């Protein structure tokens, strides 16, 4: 089994920054794509940013230029640096990763989700 654990959420004022972290642990052979999603109250979960194992990145238009996704493969960790935060960025942020487990090689890559970390941007 494996799990993703996020950290770094909190309450900030507009224009400030936060850095989210998500560490994968467990019976992991490899990690393919990793990403961050968010869900605001009354809205559907949406992709914020994603990064492949090779480092290619993709961003939602609403965060491009303000957010940066990165990963440390040695630590099985993905980060989301969020700058110039706006009230519209308020949401629960979820980490997502495609993991291949030693004990379940026959399943191939499986998608795992973290428990979520809340980000509130308010003056």
N, C-alpha and C. Protein backbone atom coordinates (compact mmCIF):
# COMPACT_ATOMS: atom_id res chain seq x y z
N UNK A 1 0.83 -1.19 0.00
CA UNK A 1 0.00 0.00 0.00
C UNK A 1 0.87 1.24 0.00
N UNK A 2 0.22 2.37 -0.28
CA UNK A 2 0.93 3.64 -0.31
C UNK A 2 -0.01 4.75 0.11
N UNK A 3 0.57 5.89 0.42
CA UNK A 3 -0.25 7.05 0.76
C UNK A 3 0.46 8.33 0.36
N UNK A 4 -0.35 9.37 0.17
CA UNK A 4 0.14 10.70 -0.12
C UNK A 4 -0.26 11.60 1.04
N UNK A 5 0.67 12.38 1.54
CA UNK A 5 0.39 13.27 2.66
C UNK A 5 0.78 14.69 2.28
N UNK A 6 -0.21 15.58 2.27
CA UNK A 6 0.03 16.98 1.93
C UNK A 6 0.30 17.81 3.18
N UNK A 7 0.98 18.92 2.98
CA UNK A 7 1.20 19.89 4.05
C UNK A 7 1.41 21.26 3.43
N UNK A 8 1.29 22.29 4.26
CA UNK A 8 1.62 23.63 3.81
C UNK A 8 0.45 24.57 3.60
N UNK A 9 -0.76 24.10 3.76
CA UNK A 9 -1.90 24.99 3.58
C UNK A 9 -2.02 25.98 4.73
N UNK A 10 -2.93 26.92 4.59
CA UNK A 10 -3.15 27.89 5.64
C UNK A 10 -3.92 29.09 5.17
N UNK A 11 -3.93 30.10 6.01
CA UNK A 11 -4.63 31.36 5.74
C UNK A 11 -3.61 32.43 5.41
N UNK A 12 -3.78 33.06 4.24
CA UNK A 12 -2.88 34.13 3.85
C UNK A 12 -3.70 35.28 3.27
N UNK A 13 -3.04 36.43 3.17
CA UNK A 13 -3.70 37.60 2.57
C UNK A 13 -3.45 37.64 1.07
N UNK A 14 -4.30 38.31 0.31
CA UNK A 14 -4.07 38.44 -1.13
C UNK A 14 -2.68 38.99 -1.41
N UNK A 15 -2.03 38.40 -2.41
CA UNK A 15 -0.69 38.83 -2.80
C UNK A 15 0.43 38.06 -2.12
N UNK A 16 0.09 37.31 -1.09
CA UNK A 16 1.12 36.54 -0.38
C UNK A 16 1.35 35.19 -1.06
N UNK A 17 2.28 34.42 -0.49
CA UNK A 17 2.70 33.15 -1.08
C UNK A 17 2.52 32.00 -0.09
N UNK A 18 2.39 30.81 -0.63
CA UNK A 18 2.38 29.57 0.13
C UNK A 18 3.09 28.50 -0.68
N UNK A 19 3.65 27.54 0.03
CA UNK A 19 4.26 26.40 -0.64
C UNK A 19 3.64 25.13 -0.09
N UNK A 20 3.03 24.36 -0.97
CA UNK A 20 2.45 23.08 -0.59
C UNK A 20 3.43 21.96 -0.90
N UNK A 21 3.42 20.95 -0.05
CA UNK A 21 4.23 19.76 -0.27
C UNK A 21 3.36 18.52 -0.20
N UNK A 22 3.76 17.50 -0.93
CA UNK A 22 3.03 16.24 -0.91
C UNK A 22 4.07 15.11 -1.01
N UNK A 23 4.15 14.31 0.02
CA UNK A 23 5.11 13.21 0.06
C UNK A 23 4.40 11.88 -0.11
N UNK A 24 4.91 11.09 -1.02
CA UNK A 24 4.39 9.73 -1.23
C UNK A 24 5.24 8.74 -0.46
N UNK A 25 4.59 7.81 0.20
CA UNK A 25 5.32 6.81 0.97
C UNK A 25 4.65 5.46 0.81
N UNK A 26 5.45 4.42 1.09
CA UNK A 26 4.89 3.08 1.02
C UNK A 26 5.69 2.18 0.11
N UNK A 27 5.01 1.22 -0.43
CA UNK A 27 5.59 0.15 -1.22
C UNK A 27 5.77 0.56 -2.69
N UNK A 28 6.51 1.66 -2.91
CA UNK A 28 6.53 2.31 -4.21
C UNK A 28 7.72 1.88 -5.06
N UNK A 29 7.45 1.41 -6.25
CA UNK A 29 8.51 1.10 -7.21
C UNK A 29 8.84 2.35 -8.02
N UNK A 30 7.80 3.01 -8.51
CA UNK A 30 8.02 4.19 -9.34
C UNK A 30 6.82 5.10 -9.28
N UNK A 31 7.05 6.37 -9.64
CA UNK A 31 5.99 7.37 -9.69
C UNK A 31 6.01 7.99 -11.08
N UNK A 32 4.89 7.96 -11.74
CA UNK A 32 4.79 8.58 -13.06
C UNK A 32 4.38 10.05 -12.85
N UNK A 33 3.24 10.44 -13.36
CA UNK A 33 2.82 11.83 -13.23
C UNK A 33 2.39 12.14 -11.79
N UNK A 34 2.61 13.38 -11.40
CA UNK A 34 2.12 13.89 -10.12
C UNK A 34 1.42 15.21 -10.39
N UNK A 35 0.48 15.56 -9.54
CA UNK A 35 -0.25 16.79 -9.80
C UNK A 35 -0.94 17.33 -8.58
N UNK A 36 -1.45 18.53 -8.77
CA UNK A 36 -2.24 19.20 -7.75
C UNK A 36 -3.60 19.57 -8.35
N UNK A 37 -4.62 19.28 -7.61
CA UNK A 37 -5.98 19.65 -7.95
C UNK A 37 -6.53 20.51 -6.81
N UNK A 38 -7.62 21.21 -7.09
CA UNK A 38 -8.27 21.97 -6.02
C UNK A 38 -9.78 21.93 -6.20
N UNK A 39 -10.45 22.10 -5.08
CA UNK A 39 -11.91 22.13 -5.10
C UNK A 39 -12.39 23.25 -4.18
N UNK A 40 -13.01 24.23 -4.80
CA UNK A 40 -13.58 25.34 -4.05
C UNK A 40 -15.01 24.99 -3.65
N UNK A 41 -15.54 25.64 -2.62
CA UNK A 41 -16.92 25.34 -2.18
C UNK A 41 -17.92 25.50 -3.32
N UNK A 42 -18.73 24.49 -3.53
CA UNK A 42 -19.76 24.53 -4.57
C UNK A 42 -19.26 24.33 -5.98
N UNK A 43 -17.98 24.00 -6.14
CA UNK A 43 -17.42 23.82 -7.47
C UNK A 43 -16.83 22.43 -7.62
N UNK A 44 -16.61 22.03 -8.87
CA UNK A 44 -16.00 20.74 -9.13
C UNK A 44 -14.49 20.81 -8.92
N UNK A 45 -13.91 19.67 -8.64
CA UNK A 45 -12.46 19.59 -8.51
C UNK A 45 -11.84 19.88 -9.87
N UNK A 46 -10.77 20.67 -9.87
CA UNK A 46 -10.11 21.04 -11.12
C UNK A 46 -8.61 20.85 -11.01
N UNK A 47 -7.99 20.57 -12.16
CA UNK A 47 -6.55 20.44 -12.21
C UNK A 47 -5.90 21.81 -12.08
N UNK A 48 -4.92 21.91 -11.21
CA UNK A 48 -4.16 23.14 -11.04
C UNK A 48 -2.85 23.05 -11.80
N UNK A 49 -2.10 21.97 -11.57
CA UNK A 49 -0.81 21.80 -12.21
C UNK A 49 -0.42 20.33 -12.19
N UNK A 50 0.37 19.93 -13.17
CA UNK A 50 0.83 18.54 -13.25
C UNK A 50 2.27 18.51 -13.72
N UNK A 51 2.97 17.44 -13.34
CA UNK A 51 4.36 17.28 -13.74
C UNK A 51 4.63 15.82 -14.02
N UNK A 52 5.31 15.54 -15.13
CA UNK A 52 5.63 14.16 -15.47
C UNK A 52 6.91 13.72 -14.76
N UNK A 53 7.22 12.45 -14.88
CA UNK A 53 8.44 11.94 -14.27
C UNK A 53 9.68 12.59 -14.88
N UNK A 54 9.55 13.04 -16.11
CA UNK A 54 10.67 13.70 -16.78
C UNK A 54 10.76 15.19 -16.54
N UNK A 55 9.76 15.74 -15.83
CA UNK A 55 9.80 17.15 -15.48
C UNK A 55 8.97 18.07 -16.36
N UNK A 56 8.26 17.53 -17.33
CA UNK A 56 7.38 18.38 -18.13
C UNK A 56 6.19 18.82 -17.28
N UNK A 57 5.79 20.07 -17.45
CA UNK A 57 4.74 20.63 -16.60
C UNK A 57 3.57 21.17 -17.42
N UNK A 58 2.45 21.27 -16.75
CA UNK A 58 1.25 21.84 -17.34
C UNK A 58 0.49 22.57 -16.25
N UNK A 59 -0.15 23.68 -16.61
CA UNK A 59 -0.84 24.51 -15.64
C UNK A 59 -2.22 24.91 -16.13
N UNK A 60 -3.13 25.10 -15.19
CA UNK A 60 -4.40 25.73 -15.52
C UNK A 60 -4.13 27.18 -15.90
N UNK A 61 -4.92 27.69 -16.83
CA UNK A 61 -4.72 29.07 -17.26
C UNK A 61 -4.81 30.05 -16.10
N UNK A 62 -5.64 29.75 -15.13
CA UNK A 62 -5.88 30.67 -14.02
C UNK A 62 -4.68 30.83 -13.09
N UNK A 63 -3.73 29.89 -13.16
CA UNK A 63 -2.58 29.95 -12.24
C UNK A 63 -1.26 30.09 -12.97
N UNK A 64 -1.28 29.97 -14.29
CA UNK A 64 -0.02 30.02 -15.05
C UNK A 64 0.65 31.37 -14.83
N UNK A 65 1.95 31.31 -14.50
CA UNK A 65 2.71 32.51 -14.23
C UNK A 65 2.75 32.87 -12.75
N UNK A 66 1.86 32.29 -11.97
CA UNK A 66 1.85 32.56 -10.52
C UNK A 66 2.25 31.33 -9.70
N UNK A 67 1.88 30.15 -10.19
CA UNK A 67 2.18 28.90 -9.48
C UNK A 67 3.28 28.14 -10.21
N UNK A 68 4.09 27.41 -9.44
CA UNK A 68 5.13 26.57 -10.02
C UNK A 68 5.10 25.20 -9.35
N UNK A 69 4.98 24.17 -10.18
CA UNK A 69 5.03 22.79 -9.68
C UNK A 69 6.43 22.24 -9.89
N UNK A 70 6.89 21.47 -8.92
CA UNK A 70 8.21 20.83 -9.03
C UNK A 70 8.16 19.52 -8.25
N UNK A 71 9.16 18.69 -8.47
CA UNK A 71 9.21 17.42 -7.76
C UNK A 71 10.64 17.04 -7.42
N UNK A 72 10.78 16.30 -6.32
CA UNK A 72 12.06 15.75 -5.92
C UNK A 72 11.90 14.23 -5.97
N UNK A 73 12.39 13.62 -7.01
CA UNK A 73 12.18 12.18 -7.21
C UNK A 73 12.86 11.35 -6.12
N UNK A 74 13.96 11.86 -5.59
CA UNK A 74 14.65 11.11 -4.53
C UNK A 74 13.83 11.05 -3.25
N UNK A 75 12.97 12.06 -3.06
CA UNK A 75 12.14 12.12 -1.86
C UNK A 75 10.69 11.74 -2.14
N UNK A 76 10.39 11.37 -3.38
CA UNK A 76 9.00 11.04 -3.75
C UNK A 76 8.04 12.16 -3.35
N UNK A 77 8.46 13.38 -3.60
CA UNK A 77 7.71 14.55 -3.14
C UNK A 77 7.45 15.52 -4.30
N UNK A 78 6.24 16.07 -4.31
CA UNK A 78 5.88 17.10 -5.27
C UNK A 78 5.53 18.36 -4.50
N UNK A 79 5.88 19.51 -5.09
CA UNK A 79 5.66 20.80 -4.45
C UNK A 79 4.80 21.68 -5.35
N UNK A 80 4.12 22.62 -4.71
CA UNK A 80 3.41 23.66 -5.45
C UNK A 80 3.72 24.99 -4.79
N UNK A 81 4.51 25.79 -5.47
CA UNK A 81 4.82 27.13 -5.00
C UNK A 81 3.76 28.07 -5.56
N UNK A 82 3.04 28.72 -4.66
CA UNK A 82 1.93 29.58 -5.06
C UNK A 82 2.26 31.02 -4.68
N UNK A 83 2.40 31.87 -5.67
CA UNK A 83 2.71 33.28 -5.46
C UNK A 83 1.54 34.15 -5.90
N UNK A 84 1.54 35.38 -5.44
CA UNK A 84 0.49 36.34 -5.82
C UNK A 84 -0.90 35.74 -5.65
N UNK A 85 -1.13 35.17 -4.51
CA UNK A 85 -2.40 34.48 -4.27
C UNK A 85 -3.58 35.44 -4.29
N UNK A 86 -4.69 34.94 -4.81
CA UNK A 86 -5.92 35.71 -4.93
C UNK A 86 -7.03 35.02 -4.14
N UNK A 87 -8.06 35.76 -3.76
CA UNK A 87 -9.20 35.12 -3.08
C UNK A 87 -9.79 33.95 -3.89
N UNK A 88 -9.75 34.03 -5.21
CA UNK A 88 -10.27 32.94 -6.04
C UNK A 88 -9.44 31.66 -5.93
N UNK A 89 -8.26 31.74 -5.34
CA UNK A 89 -7.45 30.54 -5.13
C UNK A 89 -7.87 29.77 -3.89
N UNK A 90 -8.79 30.31 -3.12
CA UNK A 90 -9.27 29.64 -1.92
C UNK A 90 -9.93 28.32 -2.29
N UNK A 91 -9.44 27.24 -1.68
CA UNK A 91 -9.95 25.91 -2.00
C UNK A 91 -9.23 24.88 -1.13
N UNK A 92 -9.71 23.66 -1.19
CA UNK A 92 -8.95 22.54 -0.65
C UNK A 92 -8.09 22.00 -1.79
N UNK A 93 -6.81 21.88 -1.55
CA UNK A 93 -5.86 21.43 -2.56
C UNK A 93 -5.51 19.96 -2.30
N UNK A 94 -5.61 19.17 -3.37
CA UNK A 94 -5.36 17.73 -3.29
C UNK A 94 -4.17 17.36 -4.16
N UNK A 95 -3.33 16.52 -3.60
CA UNK A 95 -2.21 15.95 -4.34
C UNK A 95 -2.67 14.66 -5.01
N UNK A 96 -2.09 14.39 -6.16
CA UNK A 96 -2.46 13.22 -6.96
C UNK A 96 -1.18 12.64 -7.56
N UNK A 97 -1.08 11.31 -7.57
CA UNK A 97 0.11 10.69 -8.16
C UNK A 97 -0.23 9.32 -8.72
N UNK A 98 0.44 8.97 -9.80
CA UNK A 98 0.29 7.64 -10.40
C UNK A 98 1.45 6.78 -9.91
N UNK A 99 1.14 5.83 -9.05
CA UNK A 99 2.15 5.02 -8.39
C UNK A 99 2.14 3.59 -8.90
N UNK A 100 3.33 3.01 -9.01
CA UNK A 100 3.43 1.58 -9.27
C UNK A 100 4.05 0.95 -8.03
N UNK A 101 3.34 -0.02 -7.47
CA UNK A 101 3.76 -0.65 -6.23
C UNK A 101 4.47 -1.97 -6.48
N UNK A 102 5.49 -2.24 -5.66
CA UNK A 102 6.21 -3.50 -5.75
C UNK A 102 5.28 -4.70 -5.58
N UNK A 103 4.37 -4.60 -4.63
CA UNK A 103 3.50 -5.73 -4.30
C UNK A 103 2.35 -5.91 -5.28
N UNK A 104 2.16 -4.93 -6.16
CA UNK A 104 1.03 -5.00 -7.10
C UNK A 104 1.49 -4.62 -8.50
N UNK A 105 2.61 -5.18 -8.93
CA UNK A 105 3.13 -4.85 -10.24
C UNK A 105 2.14 -5.16 -11.36
N UNK A 106 1.36 -6.21 -11.14
CA UNK A 106 0.42 -6.64 -12.17
C UNK A 106 -0.66 -5.60 -12.43
N UNK A 107 -0.88 -4.65 -11.47
CA UNK A 107 -1.90 -3.63 -11.65
C UNK A 107 -1.41 -2.45 -12.50
N UNK A 108 -0.09 -2.36 -12.67
CA UNK A 108 0.42 -1.20 -13.39
C UNK A 108 0.34 0.05 -12.51
N UNK A 109 0.27 1.21 -13.14
CA UNK A 109 0.18 2.46 -12.40
C UNK A 109 -1.22 2.63 -11.81
N UNK A 110 -1.26 3.04 -10.54
CA UNK A 110 -2.54 3.28 -9.87
C UNK A 110 -2.56 4.72 -9.38
N UNK A 111 -3.71 5.34 -9.49
CA UNK A 111 -3.84 6.74 -9.07
C UNK A 111 -4.18 6.82 -7.59
N UNK A 112 -3.39 7.59 -6.86
CA UNK A 112 -3.61 7.83 -5.44
C UNK A 112 -3.88 9.32 -5.22
N UNK A 113 -4.64 9.57 -4.14
CA UNK A 113 -4.98 10.94 -3.76
C UNK A 113 -4.59 11.20 -2.30
N UNK A 114 -4.17 12.42 -2.04
CA UNK A 114 -3.97 12.83 -0.66
C UNK A 114 -5.27 13.22 -0.01
N UNK A 115 -5.18 13.58 1.27
CA UNK A 115 -6.39 13.90 2.04
C UNK A 115 -6.83 15.34 1.84
N UNK A 116 -5.98 16.15 1.27
CA UNK A 116 -6.32 17.55 1.02
C UNK A 116 -5.76 18.47 2.08
N UNK A 117 -5.42 19.68 1.65
CA UNK A 117 -4.97 20.72 2.58
C UNK A 117 -5.68 22.03 2.18
N UNK A 118 -6.18 22.73 3.16
CA UNK A 118 -7.01 23.91 2.88
C UNK A 118 -6.16 25.15 2.73
N UNK A 119 -6.45 25.90 1.67
CA UNK A 119 -5.81 27.20 1.42
C UNK A 119 -6.91 28.25 1.41
N UNK A 120 -6.75 29.25 2.26
CA UNK A 120 -7.70 30.35 2.33
C UNK A 120 -6.97 31.66 2.08
N UNK A 121 -7.43 32.40 1.09
CA UNK A 121 -6.84 33.69 0.76
C UNK A 121 -7.88 34.76 1.05
N UNK A 122 -7.60 35.55 2.07
CA UNK A 122 -8.59 36.53 2.51
C UNK A 122 -7.91 37.67 3.26
N UNK A 123 -8.44 38.85 3.08
CA UNK A 123 -7.92 40.00 3.83
C UNK A 123 -8.72 40.20 5.12
